[in-house]
Amino acid sequence: MQLRLIPREEKFFELFRQQAANVVEGAQLLKNLLESYDDVEQKRLRVEMAESTGDEIAHRIIEKLNTTFITPMDREDIHALASALDDILDLIYASVQRLHLYGVKNITKDAIALANVILRATEETAALVNEVEDLRNVKSLKHRWIEVNRLENEGDRISRQAIAELFTNEKDPIEVIKWKEIYEHLETAIDKCEDAANIVEAVVLKNA
């Protein structure tokens, strides 16, 4: 028997799918920027456009939430998921902005590694969002939120190692300050993927 969240209100799910896809696009733009650190201003502007689109979608979700009497899942879950997805892209953009504002000339291998984890985490998070409307395959959903958790742990490990090496090897205190903040923003973006995955997990467990 096919199980769905009741009552069915497809507009929320469509907006969430749009939001999640936009987050993946932002993560891909970040990865491309760090792996090929040229035309930085143009690439930064593309991330800014994705972030602006994300804000617009999040606003539409909250606006719909405020005008819908019966929602397909708990109102607090809708608000929390929209906010978590929006936060991922905000942190991606904040990281790119700091590269620009701090005049970073060379990208570290650890920043690239974190960007790759962010992309993988956003892809898994988007898959969770795409599948949450249809609860026939809880096993697949569970596999995905476990994978996001694993990626969050991987991001923590890379970030801790990067910051430790920064304090050990970097002689310029200004560079230490710059990169510590950038690493923390990148790692927090992965944390927000886990937050989104946890919200989906809670929704699934309440409705499966």
N, C-alpha and C. Protein backbone atom coordinates (compact mmCIF):
# COMPACT_ATOMS: atom_id res chain seq x y z
N MET A 1 0.85 -1.19 0.00
CA MET A 1 0.00 0.00 0.00
C MET A 1 0.88 1.25 0.00
N GLN A 2 0.54 2.21 -0.82
CA GLN A 2 1.32 3.44 -0.92
C GLN A 2 1.01 4.34 0.26
N LEU A 3 2.05 4.80 0.93
CA LEU A 3 1.89 5.67 2.08
C LEU A 3 2.32 7.07 1.70
N ARG A 4 1.54 8.04 2.10
CA ARG A 4 1.90 9.43 1.87
C ARG A 4 1.63 10.22 3.14
N LEU A 5 2.28 11.36 3.23
CA LEU A 5 1.94 12.26 4.30
C LEU A 5 0.51 12.75 4.07
N ILE A 6 -0.30 12.76 5.11
CA ILE A 6 -1.71 13.11 4.98
C ILE A 6 -1.98 14.38 5.79
N PRO A 7 -2.72 15.35 5.23
CA PRO A 7 -3.26 15.38 3.88
C PRO A 7 -2.19 15.75 2.86
N ARG A 8 -2.46 15.44 1.59
CA ARG A 8 -1.50 15.69 0.54
C ARG A 8 -1.57 17.14 0.09
N GLU A 9 -0.46 17.84 0.15
CA GLU A 9 -0.36 19.23 -0.31
C GLU A 9 0.96 19.34 -1.05
N GLU A 10 0.87 19.18 -2.37
CA GLU A 10 2.07 19.00 -3.16
C GLU A 10 2.90 20.28 -3.29
N LYS A 11 2.28 21.44 -3.12
CA LYS A 11 3.01 22.68 -3.34
C LYS A 11 4.20 22.81 -2.41
N PHE A 12 4.04 22.43 -1.14
CA PHE A 12 5.16 22.49 -0.21
C PHE A 12 6.31 21.62 -0.69
N PHE A 13 6.00 20.40 -1.11
CA PHE A 13 7.04 19.48 -1.54
C PHE A 13 7.76 19.99 -2.79
N GLU A 14 7.00 20.58 -3.69
CA GLU A 14 7.62 21.13 -4.91
C GLU A 14 8.56 22.27 -4.55
N LEU A 15 8.16 23.13 -3.63
CA LEU A 15 9.03 24.22 -3.20
C LEU A 15 10.28 23.70 -2.51
N PHE A 16 10.11 22.67 -1.69
CA PHE A 16 11.27 22.08 -1.03
C PHE A 16 12.23 21.46 -2.05
N ARG A 17 11.66 20.82 -3.08
CA ARG A 17 12.52 20.24 -4.13
C ARG A 17 13.30 21.34 -4.85
N GLN A 18 12.63 22.45 -5.13
CA GLN A 18 13.31 23.58 -5.77
C GLN A 18 14.41 24.12 -4.87
N GLN A 19 14.09 24.25 -3.59
CA GLN A 19 15.07 24.79 -2.64
C GLN A 19 16.28 23.87 -2.52
N ALA A 20 16.04 22.57 -2.41
CA ALA A 20 17.15 21.62 -2.27
C ALA A 20 18.01 21.58 -3.53
N ALA A 21 17.39 21.64 -4.70
CA ALA A 21 18.15 21.65 -5.95
C ALA A 21 19.02 22.90 -6.04
N ASN A 22 18.49 24.02 -5.58
CA ASN A 22 19.25 25.26 -5.60
C ASN A 22 20.44 25.20 -4.64
N VAL A 23 20.25 24.53 -3.52
CA VAL A 23 21.36 24.34 -2.57
C VAL A 23 22.47 23.51 -3.20
N VAL A 24 22.10 22.44 -3.90
CA VAL A 24 23.11 21.62 -4.59
C VAL A 24 23.84 22.45 -5.63
N GLU A 25 23.12 23.29 -6.35
CA GLU A 25 23.76 24.15 -7.34
C GLU A 25 24.78 25.07 -6.67
N GLY A 26 24.40 25.65 -5.54
CA GLY A 26 25.33 26.51 -4.82
C GLY A 26 26.57 25.77 -4.37
N ALA A 27 26.39 24.52 -3.89
CA ALA A 27 27.53 23.70 -3.47
C ALA A 27 28.43 23.36 -4.65
N GLN A 28 27.84 23.10 -5.81
CA GLN A 28 28.63 22.81 -7.01
C GLN A 28 29.41 24.05 -7.44
N LEU A 29 28.79 25.21 -7.35
CA LEU A 29 29.48 26.46 -7.69
C LEU A 29 30.66 26.69 -6.75
N LEU A 30 30.46 26.40 -5.47
CA LEU A 30 31.55 26.54 -4.50
C LEU A 30 32.71 25.61 -4.85
N LYS A 31 32.40 24.37 -5.13
CA LYS A 31 33.43 23.39 -5.48
C LYS A 31 34.19 23.85 -6.73
N ASN A 32 33.46 24.30 -7.74
CA ASN A 32 34.09 24.76 -8.97
C ASN A 32 35.02 25.95 -8.72
N LEU A 33 34.56 26.87 -7.87
CA LEU A 33 35.37 28.04 -7.55
C LEU A 33 36.68 27.65 -6.88
N LEU A 34 36.59 26.77 -5.87
CA LEU A 34 37.78 26.43 -5.11
C LEU A 34 38.74 25.56 -5.91
N GLU A 35 38.20 24.69 -6.75
CA GLU A 35 39.07 23.81 -7.53
C GLU A 35 39.71 24.52 -8.72
N SER A 36 39.06 25.57 -9.19
CA SER A 36 39.60 26.35 -10.30
C SER A 36 39.48 27.82 -9.93
N TYR A 37 40.48 28.30 -9.18
CA TYR A 37 40.38 29.61 -8.54
C TYR A 37 40.81 30.72 -9.50
N ASP A 38 39.95 30.93 -10.50
CA ASP A 38 40.14 32.03 -11.44
C ASP A 38 38.76 32.61 -11.75
N ASP A 39 38.74 33.75 -12.42
CA ASP A 39 37.46 34.46 -12.65
C ASP A 39 36.64 34.51 -11.36
N VAL A 40 37.33 34.82 -10.27
CA VAL A 40 36.72 34.71 -8.94
C VAL A 40 35.48 35.58 -8.81
N GLU A 41 35.52 36.80 -9.32
CA GLU A 41 34.39 37.70 -9.15
C GLU A 41 33.14 37.17 -9.87
N GLN A 42 33.31 36.67 -11.08
CA GLN A 42 32.17 36.12 -11.80
C GLN A 42 31.60 34.89 -11.08
N LYS A 43 32.48 34.04 -10.57
CA LYS A 43 32.02 32.85 -9.86
C LYS A 43 31.35 33.22 -8.53
N ARG A 44 31.89 34.26 -7.88
CA ARG A 44 31.27 34.74 -6.65
C ARG A 44 29.86 35.25 -6.91
N LEU A 45 29.70 35.96 -8.01
CA LEU A 45 28.38 36.50 -8.35
C LEU A 45 27.37 35.38 -8.64
N ARG A 46 27.83 34.27 -9.22
CA ARG A 46 26.93 33.14 -9.46
C ARG A 46 26.45 32.54 -8.14
N VAL A 47 27.37 32.45 -7.18
CA VAL A 47 26.96 31.95 -5.86
C VAL A 47 25.98 32.93 -5.21
N GLU A 48 26.24 34.21 -5.36
CA GLU A 48 25.34 35.22 -4.81
C GLU A 48 23.94 35.09 -5.43
N MET A 49 23.87 34.84 -6.72
CA MET A 49 22.57 34.66 -7.38
C MET A 49 21.84 33.44 -6.84
N ALA A 50 22.59 32.35 -6.62
CA ALA A 50 21.97 31.14 -6.05
C ALA A 50 21.47 31.42 -4.65
N GLU A 51 22.23 32.17 -3.87
CA GLU A 51 21.82 32.50 -2.50
C GLU A 51 20.57 33.36 -2.51
N SER A 52 20.50 34.30 -3.45
CA SER A 52 19.33 35.17 -3.57
C SER A 52 18.10 34.35 -3.97
N THR A 53 18.29 33.40 -4.90
CA THR A 53 17.19 32.51 -5.29
C THR A 53 16.73 31.68 -4.10
N GLY A 54 17.67 31.20 -3.30
CA GLY A 54 17.32 30.43 -2.11
C GLY A 54 16.49 31.24 -1.13
N ASP A 55 16.87 32.50 -0.93
CA ASP A 55 16.09 33.37 -0.04
C ASP A 55 14.66 33.52 -0.54
N GLU A 56 14.54 33.66 -1.86
CA GLU A 56 13.20 33.83 -2.45
C GLU A 56 12.35 32.59 -2.24
N ILE A 57 12.92 31.42 -2.46
CA ILE A 57 12.16 30.18 -2.29
C ILE A 57 11.78 30.00 -0.82
N ALA A 58 12.72 30.26 0.08
CA ALA A 58 12.42 30.14 1.51
C ALA A 58 11.29 31.07 1.91
N HIS A 59 11.30 32.28 1.36
CA HIS A 59 10.23 33.24 1.64
C HIS A 59 8.88 32.72 1.14
N ARG A 60 8.89 32.10 -0.04
CA ARG A 60 7.64 31.56 -0.59
C ARG A 60 7.11 30.42 0.28
N ILE A 61 8.01 29.60 0.82
CA ILE A 61 7.58 28.51 1.70
C ILE A 61 6.94 29.06 2.97
N ILE A 62 7.60 30.04 3.58
CA ILE A 62 7.06 30.61 4.82
C ILE A 62 5.76 31.35 4.54
N GLU A 63 5.69 32.03 3.42
CA GLU A 63 4.46 32.73 3.05
C GLU A 63 3.31 31.75 2.87
N LYS A 64 3.59 30.62 2.20
CA LYS A 64 2.57 29.60 2.01
C LYS A 64 2.18 28.97 3.34
N LEU A 65 3.16 28.78 4.20
CA LEU A 65 2.88 28.22 5.52
C LEU A 65 1.91 29.11 6.29
N ASN A 66 2.07 30.41 6.16
CA ASN A 66 1.23 31.35 6.88
C ASN A 66 -0.17 31.49 6.30
N THR A 67 -0.37 30.96 5.09
CA THR A 67 -1.68 31.10 4.45
C THR A 67 -2.35 29.75 4.19
N THR A 68 -1.76 28.67 4.70
CA THR A 68 -2.32 27.34 4.50
C THR A 68 -2.89 26.84 5.81
N PHE A 69 -4.16 26.44 5.78
CA PHE A 69 -4.84 26.01 7.00
C PHE A 69 -4.38 24.61 7.42
N ILE A 70 -4.34 23.67 6.45
CA ILE A 70 -3.94 22.30 6.73
C ILE A 70 -2.64 22.03 5.98
N THR A 71 -1.61 21.66 6.69
CA THR A 71 -0.29 21.44 6.10
C THR A 71 0.03 19.95 6.06
N PRO A 72 0.91 19.52 5.14
CA PRO A 72 1.21 18.09 4.97
C PRO A 72 2.10 17.52 6.06
N MET A 73 2.75 18.38 6.81
CA MET A 73 3.50 17.93 7.98
C MET A 73 3.46 19.06 9.00
N ASP A 74 3.96 18.79 10.18
CA ASP A 74 3.85 19.78 11.25
C ASP A 74 4.45 21.12 10.82
N ARG A 75 3.78 22.18 11.20
CA ARG A 75 4.23 23.52 10.79
C ARG A 75 5.67 23.81 11.22
N GLU A 76 6.01 23.38 12.44
CA GLU A 76 7.37 23.64 12.90
C GLU A 76 8.41 22.89 12.07
N ASP A 77 8.03 21.71 11.54
CA ASP A 77 8.95 20.96 10.69
C ASP A 77 9.13 21.65 9.34
N ILE A 78 8.05 22.18 8.79
CA ILE A 78 8.15 22.91 7.53
C ILE A 78 9.05 24.12 7.69
N HIS A 79 8.82 24.87 8.75
CA HIS A 79 9.63 26.06 9.00
C HIS A 79 11.09 25.70 9.24
N ALA A 80 11.32 24.66 10.03
CA ALA A 80 12.69 24.26 10.36
C ALA A 80 13.43 23.76 9.13
N LEU A 81 12.76 22.98 8.28
CA LEU A 81 13.42 22.45 7.08
C LEU A 81 13.75 23.58 6.11
N ALA A 82 12.81 24.49 5.90
CA ALA A 82 13.08 25.62 5.01
C ALA A 82 14.25 26.45 5.53
N SER A 83 14.31 26.64 6.83
CA SER A 83 15.38 27.44 7.43
C SER A 83 16.72 26.74 7.33
N ALA A 84 16.74 25.42 7.58
CA ALA A 84 18.00 24.67 7.51
C ALA A 84 18.56 24.67 6.10
N LEU A 85 17.71 24.45 5.10
CA LEU A 85 18.17 24.48 3.71
C LEU A 85 18.69 25.87 3.34
N ASP A 86 17.99 26.89 3.79
CA ASP A 86 18.42 28.26 3.51
C ASP A 86 19.76 28.55 4.18
N ASP A 87 19.94 28.03 5.39
CA ASP A 87 21.20 28.26 6.12
C ASP A 87 22.39 27.64 5.40
N ILE A 88 22.19 26.48 4.78
CA ILE A 88 23.31 25.84 4.05
C ILE A 88 23.85 26.79 3.00
N LEU A 89 22.95 27.35 2.21
CA LEU A 89 23.38 28.23 1.12
C LEU A 89 23.91 29.55 1.66
N ASP A 90 23.34 30.03 2.75
CA ASP A 90 23.87 31.25 3.37
C ASP A 90 25.33 31.07 3.78
N LEU A 91 25.65 29.91 4.33
CA LEU A 91 27.01 29.64 4.78
C LEU A 91 27.97 29.43 3.61
N ILE A 92 27.47 28.80 2.56
CA ILE A 92 28.28 28.67 1.34
C ILE A 92 28.63 30.06 0.81
N TYR A 93 27.62 30.91 0.73
CA TYR A 93 27.86 32.27 0.22
C TYR A 93 28.77 33.06 1.16
N ALA A 94 28.58 32.90 2.47
CA ALA A 94 29.42 33.60 3.43
C ALA A 94 30.88 33.19 3.28
N SER A 95 31.11 31.91 2.99
CA SER A 95 32.48 31.43 2.77
C SER A 95 33.09 32.08 1.54
N VAL A 96 32.32 32.13 0.47
CA VAL A 96 32.80 32.76 -0.77
C VAL A 96 33.05 34.25 -0.57
N GLN A 97 32.16 34.89 0.17
CA GLN A 97 32.33 36.31 0.45
C GLN A 97 33.63 36.58 1.20
N ARG A 98 33.96 35.70 2.13
CA ARG A 98 35.19 35.90 2.90
C ARG A 98 36.43 35.71 2.04
N LEU A 99 36.37 34.79 1.11
CA LEU A 99 37.48 34.66 0.17
C LEU A 99 37.71 35.98 -0.56
N HIS A 100 36.62 36.62 -0.93
CA HIS A 100 36.68 37.90 -1.66
C HIS A 100 37.13 39.03 -0.73
N LEU A 101 36.49 39.15 0.43
CA LEU A 101 36.77 40.26 1.34
C LEU A 101 38.18 40.18 1.91
N TYR A 102 38.66 38.97 2.14
CA TYR A 102 39.98 38.79 2.73
C TYR A 102 41.10 38.75 1.68
N GLY A 103 40.74 38.87 0.43
CA GLY A 103 41.74 38.89 -0.63
C GLY A 103 42.55 37.61 -0.71
N VAL A 104 41.89 36.48 -0.52
CA VAL A 104 42.60 35.20 -0.54
C VAL A 104 43.13 34.94 -1.95
N LYS A 105 44.41 34.62 -2.04
CA LYS A 105 45.06 34.42 -3.33
C LYS A 105 45.19 32.94 -3.70
N ASN A 106 45.36 32.09 -2.70
CA ASN A 106 45.58 30.68 -2.95
C ASN A 106 44.65 29.85 -2.07
N ILE A 107 44.09 28.82 -2.66
CA ILE A 107 43.14 27.95 -1.96
C ILE A 107 43.87 26.73 -1.40
N THR A 108 43.52 26.35 -0.19
CA THR A 108 44.17 25.20 0.44
C THR A 108 43.49 23.90 0.04
N LYS A 109 44.23 22.82 0.17
CA LYS A 109 43.68 21.50 -0.13
C LYS A 109 42.54 21.15 0.84
N ASP A 110 42.62 21.64 2.08
CA ASP A 110 41.58 21.34 3.05
C ASP A 110 40.27 22.06 2.71
N ALA A 111 40.35 23.27 2.18
CA ALA A 111 39.15 23.98 1.75
C ALA A 111 38.47 23.23 0.61
N ILE A 112 39.27 22.73 -0.32
CA ILE A 112 38.72 21.95 -1.43
C ILE A 112 38.09 20.67 -0.92
N ALA A 113 38.76 20.02 0.04
CA ALA A 113 38.20 18.79 0.61
C ALA A 113 36.86 19.06 1.29
N LEU A 114 36.76 20.16 2.02
CA LEU A 114 35.50 20.51 2.67
C LEU A 114 34.42 20.82 1.64
N ALA A 115 34.78 21.50 0.56
CA ALA A 115 33.81 21.80 -0.49
C ALA A 115 33.27 20.53 -1.12
N ASN A 116 34.12 19.54 -1.28
CA ASN A 116 33.66 18.27 -1.83
C ASN A 116 32.70 17.56 -0.88
N VAL A 117 32.98 17.63 0.41
CA VAL A 117 32.06 17.04 1.39
C VAL A 117 30.74 17.79 1.39
N ILE A 118 30.80 19.11 1.30
CA ILE A 118 29.56 19.90 1.25
C ILE A 118 28.70 19.47 0.07
N LEU A 119 29.33 19.32 -1.10
CA LEU A 119 28.56 18.92 -2.28
C LEU A 119 27.91 17.56 -2.07
N ARG A 120 28.67 16.61 -1.57
CA ARG A 120 28.10 15.27 -1.35
C ARG A 120 26.98 15.31 -0.32
N ALA A 121 27.15 16.11 0.74
CA ALA A 121 26.13 16.22 1.77
C ALA A 121 24.86 16.89 1.24
N THR A 122 25.02 17.91 0.39
CA THR A 122 23.84 18.57 -0.17
C THR A 122 23.11 17.65 -1.15
N GLU A 123 23.86 16.82 -1.87
CA GLU A 123 23.22 15.88 -2.79
C GLU A 123 22.39 14.85 -2.03
N GLU A 124 22.93 14.34 -0.93
CA GLU A 124 22.18 13.38 -0.12
C GLU A 124 20.98 14.06 0.53
N THR A 125 21.16 15.28 0.99
CA THR A 125 20.06 16.02 1.60
C THR A 125 18.96 16.29 0.58
N ALA A 126 19.33 16.66 -0.63
CA ALA A 126 18.34 16.89 -1.69
C ALA A 126 17.58 15.61 -2.01
N ALA A 127 18.29 14.49 -2.03
CA ALA A 127 17.62 13.21 -2.28
C ALA A 127 16.61 12.90 -1.18
N LEU A 128 16.96 13.19 0.05
CA LEU A 128 16.01 13.01 1.17
C LEU A 128 14.77 13.87 0.97
N VAL A 129 14.99 15.14 0.63
CA VAL A 129 13.87 16.06 0.42
C VAL A 129 13.00 15.59 -0.73
N ASN A 130 13.60 15.08 -1.79
CA ASN A 130 12.85 14.61 -2.95
C ASN A 130 12.01 13.38 -2.63
N GLU A 131 12.47 12.57 -1.68
CA GLU A 131 11.79 11.31 -1.39
C GLU A 131 10.83 11.38 -0.21
N VAL A 132 10.84 12.46 0.54
CA VAL A 132 10.09 12.48 1.80
C VAL A 132 8.57 12.44 1.59
N GLU A 133 8.10 12.91 0.44
CA GLU A 133 6.66 12.90 0.20
C GLU A 133 6.11 11.48 0.10
N ASP A 134 6.92 10.56 -0.39
CA ASP A 134 6.49 9.18 -0.60
C ASP A 134 7.26 8.29 0.36
N LEU A 135 6.55 7.68 1.29
CA LEU A 135 7.20 6.95 2.37
C LEU A 135 7.23 5.45 2.14
N ARG A 136 7.20 5.04 0.89
CA ARG A 136 7.21 3.60 0.64
C ARG A 136 8.57 2.96 0.91
N ASN A 137 9.63 3.76 0.84
CA ASN A 137 10.96 3.19 0.99
C ASN A 137 11.71 3.87 2.12
N VAL A 138 11.28 3.57 3.33
CA VAL A 138 11.91 4.17 4.50
C VAL A 138 13.36 3.73 4.62
N LYS A 139 13.65 2.50 4.18
CA LYS A 139 15.02 1.99 4.24
C LYS A 139 15.98 2.88 3.45
N SER A 140 15.57 3.31 2.26
CA SER A 140 16.41 4.18 1.44
C SER A 140 16.60 5.53 2.11
N LEU A 141 15.52 6.07 2.68
CA LEU A 141 15.62 7.34 3.39
C LEU A 141 16.58 7.23 4.57
N LYS A 142 16.46 6.14 5.32
CA LYS A 142 17.33 5.94 6.47
C LYS A 142 18.79 5.87 6.04
N HIS A 143 19.04 5.16 4.95
CA HIS A 143 20.42 5.07 4.44
C HIS A 143 20.96 6.45 4.14
N ARG A 144 20.12 7.32 3.59
CA ARG A 144 20.59 8.66 3.20
C ARG A 144 20.86 9.53 4.42
N TRP A 145 20.00 9.50 5.45
CA TRP A 145 20.28 10.36 6.59
C TRP A 145 21.48 9.85 7.40
N ILE A 146 21.71 8.56 7.37
CA ILE A 146 22.92 8.02 7.99
C ILE A 146 24.16 8.50 7.23
N GLU A 147 24.06 8.53 5.91
CA GLU A 147 25.18 9.00 5.09
C GLU A 147 25.47 10.48 5.35
N VAL A 148 24.43 11.29 5.49
CA VAL A 148 24.65 12.71 5.80
C VAL A 148 25.37 12.84 7.14
N ASN A 149 24.96 12.03 8.11
CA ASN A 149 25.63 12.04 9.42
C ASN A 149 27.10 11.66 9.28
N ARG A 150 27.38 10.65 8.44
CA ARG A 150 28.77 10.24 8.23
C ARG A 150 29.58 11.37 7.58
N LEU A 151 28.97 12.05 6.63
CA LEU A 151 29.65 13.16 5.96
C LEU A 151 29.90 14.31 6.92
N GLU A 152 28.97 14.54 7.85
CA GLU A 152 29.17 15.58 8.85
C GLU A 152 30.38 15.25 9.72
N ASN A 153 30.51 13.98 10.10
CA ASN A 153 31.67 13.55 10.87
C ASN A 153 32.96 13.73 10.07
N GLU A 154 32.90 13.43 8.77
CA GLU A 154 34.06 13.61 7.91
C GLU A 154 34.44 15.09 7.83
N GLY A 155 33.43 15.93 7.70
CA GLY A 155 33.69 17.37 7.66
C GLY A 155 34.31 17.87 8.95
N ASP A 156 33.83 17.38 10.08
CA ASP A 156 34.42 17.74 11.38
C ASP A 156 35.90 17.36 11.42
N ARG A 157 36.19 16.15 10.95
CA ARG A 157 37.57 15.66 10.98
C ARG A 157 38.49 16.53 10.12
N ILE A 158 38.03 16.84 8.90
CA ILE A 158 38.85 17.65 7.99
C ILE A 158 39.06 19.05 8.58
N SER A 159 37.99 19.62 9.14
CA SER A 159 38.08 20.97 9.70
C SER A 159 39.03 21.02 10.89
N ARG A 160 38.92 20.05 11.79
CA ARG A 160 39.81 20.02 12.96
C ARG A 160 41.27 19.89 12.52
N GLN A 161 41.51 19.00 11.57
CA GLN A 161 42.87 18.79 11.08
C GLN A 161 43.40 20.05 10.41
N ALA A 162 42.54 20.70 9.61
CA ALA A 162 42.96 21.92 8.89
C ALA A 162 43.33 23.03 9.86
N ILE A 163 42.51 23.21 10.89
CA ILE A 163 42.77 24.27 11.87
C ILE A 163 44.02 23.96 12.68
N ALA A 164 44.20 22.69 13.04
CA ALA A 164 45.41 22.30 13.78
C ALA A 164 46.66 22.58 12.96
N GLU A 165 46.63 22.22 11.67
CA GLU A 165 47.78 22.47 10.80
C GLU A 165 48.01 23.97 10.60
N LEU A 166 46.91 24.72 10.57
CA LEU A 166 47.01 26.16 10.41
C LEU A 166 47.79 26.78 11.56
N PHE A 167 47.44 26.39 12.79
CA PHE A 167 48.13 26.95 13.96
C PHE A 167 49.56 26.43 14.08
N THR A 168 49.82 25.26 13.53
CA THR A 168 51.16 24.68 13.60
C THR A 168 52.10 25.27 12.56
N ASN A 169 51.59 25.46 11.34
CA ASN A 169 52.47 25.77 10.21
C ASN A 169 52.42 27.21 9.72
N GLU A 170 51.30 27.89 9.92
CA GLU A 170 51.17 29.24 9.38
C GLU A 170 51.81 30.26 10.33
N LYS A 171 52.73 31.06 9.82
CA LYS A 171 53.45 32.02 10.64
C LYS A 171 52.77 33.39 10.70
N ASP A 172 51.92 33.68 9.72
CA ASP A 172 51.25 34.97 9.65
C ASP A 172 49.93 34.89 10.43
N PRO A 173 49.82 35.63 11.54
CA PRO A 173 48.59 35.53 12.36
C PRO A 173 47.33 35.99 11.61
N ILE A 174 47.48 36.90 10.66
CA ILE A 174 46.33 37.35 9.88
C ILE A 174 45.80 36.20 9.03
N GLU A 175 46.70 35.43 8.43
CA GLU A 175 46.27 34.28 7.63
C GLU A 175 45.58 33.24 8.50
N VAL A 176 46.07 33.07 9.71
CA VAL A 176 45.44 32.14 10.65
C VAL A 176 44.00 32.56 10.91
N ILE A 177 43.80 33.84 11.17
CA ILE A 177 42.45 34.36 11.46
C ILE A 177 41.54 34.17 10.25
N LYS A 178 42.05 34.52 9.06
CA LYS A 178 41.25 34.39 7.83
C LYS A 178 40.79 32.95 7.62
N TRP A 179 41.76 32.05 7.61
CA TRP A 179 41.44 30.67 7.23
C TRP A 179 40.67 29.92 8.31
N LYS A 180 40.92 30.25 9.56
CA LYS A 180 40.14 29.62 10.62
C LYS A 180 38.66 29.94 10.43
N GLU A 181 38.35 31.18 10.13
CA GLU A 181 36.95 31.57 9.94
C GLU A 181 36.36 30.91 8.70
N ILE A 182 37.12 30.84 7.62
CA ILE A 182 36.62 30.21 6.40
C ILE A 182 36.35 28.72 6.64
N TYR A 183 37.30 28.04 7.28
CA TYR A 183 37.10 26.62 7.58
C TYR A 183 35.85 26.41 8.43
N GLU A 184 35.65 27.26 9.42
CA GLU A 184 34.50 27.11 10.31
C GLU A 184 33.19 27.32 9.56
N HIS A 185 33.16 28.27 8.63
CA HIS A 185 31.95 28.48 7.84
C HIS A 185 31.67 27.27 6.94
N LEU A 186 32.70 26.74 6.32
CA LEU A 186 32.51 25.56 5.46
C LEU A 186 32.02 24.37 6.27
N GLU A 187 32.61 24.16 7.43
CA GLU A 187 32.21 23.03 8.26
C GLU A 187 30.79 23.20 8.78
N THR A 188 30.41 24.43 9.11
CA THR A 188 29.05 24.67 9.60
C THR A 188 28.02 24.44 8.51
N ALA A 189 28.38 24.69 7.25
CA ALA A 189 27.46 24.38 6.15
C ALA A 189 27.13 22.88 6.13
N ILE A 190 28.12 22.05 6.44
CA ILE A 190 27.87 20.61 6.51
C ILE A 190 26.99 20.29 7.70
N ASP A 191 27.21 20.97 8.83
CA ASP A 191 26.35 20.79 10.00
C ASP A 191 24.89 21.06 9.65
N LYS A 192 24.67 22.09 8.84
CA LYS A 192 23.30 22.44 8.47
C LYS A 192 22.66 21.38 7.58
N CYS A 193 23.48 20.69 6.77
CA CYS A 193 22.96 19.55 6.01
C CYS A 193 22.45 18.48 6.97
N GLU A 194 23.23 18.23 8.03
CA GLU A 194 22.81 17.25 9.02
C GLU A 194 21.52 17.70 9.72
N ASP A 195 21.42 19.00 10.01
CA ASP A 195 20.19 19.52 10.61
C ASP A 195 18.98 19.23 9.72
N ALA A 196 19.13 19.49 8.42
CA ALA A 196 18.04 19.23 7.48
C ALA A 196 17.70 17.75 7.43
N ALA A 197 18.73 16.91 7.40
CA ALA A 197 18.51 15.46 7.37
C ALA A 197 17.81 14.99 8.64
N ASN A 198 18.17 15.57 9.78
CA ASN A 198 17.51 15.20 11.04
C ASN A 198 16.04 15.58 11.04
N ILE A 199 15.71 16.70 10.42
CA ILE A 199 14.32 17.12 10.33
C ILE A 199 13.53 16.15 9.47
N VAL A 200 14.11 15.77 8.32
CA VAL A 200 13.45 14.78 7.46
C VAL A 200 13.27 13.46 8.21
N GLU A 201 14.29 13.05 8.94
CA GLU A 201 14.19 11.82 9.72
C GLU A 201 13.03 11.89 10.71
N ALA A 202 12.90 13.02 11.39
CA ALA A 202 11.82 13.17 12.36
C ALA A 202 10.45 13.10 11.68
N VAL A 203 10.34 13.75 10.52
CA VAL A 203 9.08 13.71 9.77
C VAL A 203 8.74 12.28 9.35
N VAL A 204 9.73 11.57 8.85
CA VAL A 204 9.51 10.19 8.39
C VAL A 204 9.06 9.31 9.56
N LEU A 205 9.74 9.41 10.68
CA LEU A 205 9.43 8.55 11.82
C LEU A 205 8.06 8.88 12.41
N LYS A 206 7.63 10.13 12.28
CA LYS A 206 6.30 10.49 12.77
C LYS A 206 5.18 10.04 11.85
N ASN A 207 5.52 9.83 10.56
CA ASN A 207 4.46 9.58 9.58
C ASN A 207 4.54 8.21 8.90
N ALA A 208 5.63 7.49 9.08
CA ALA A 208 5.78 6.21 8.40
C ALA A 208 4.87 5.15 9.02
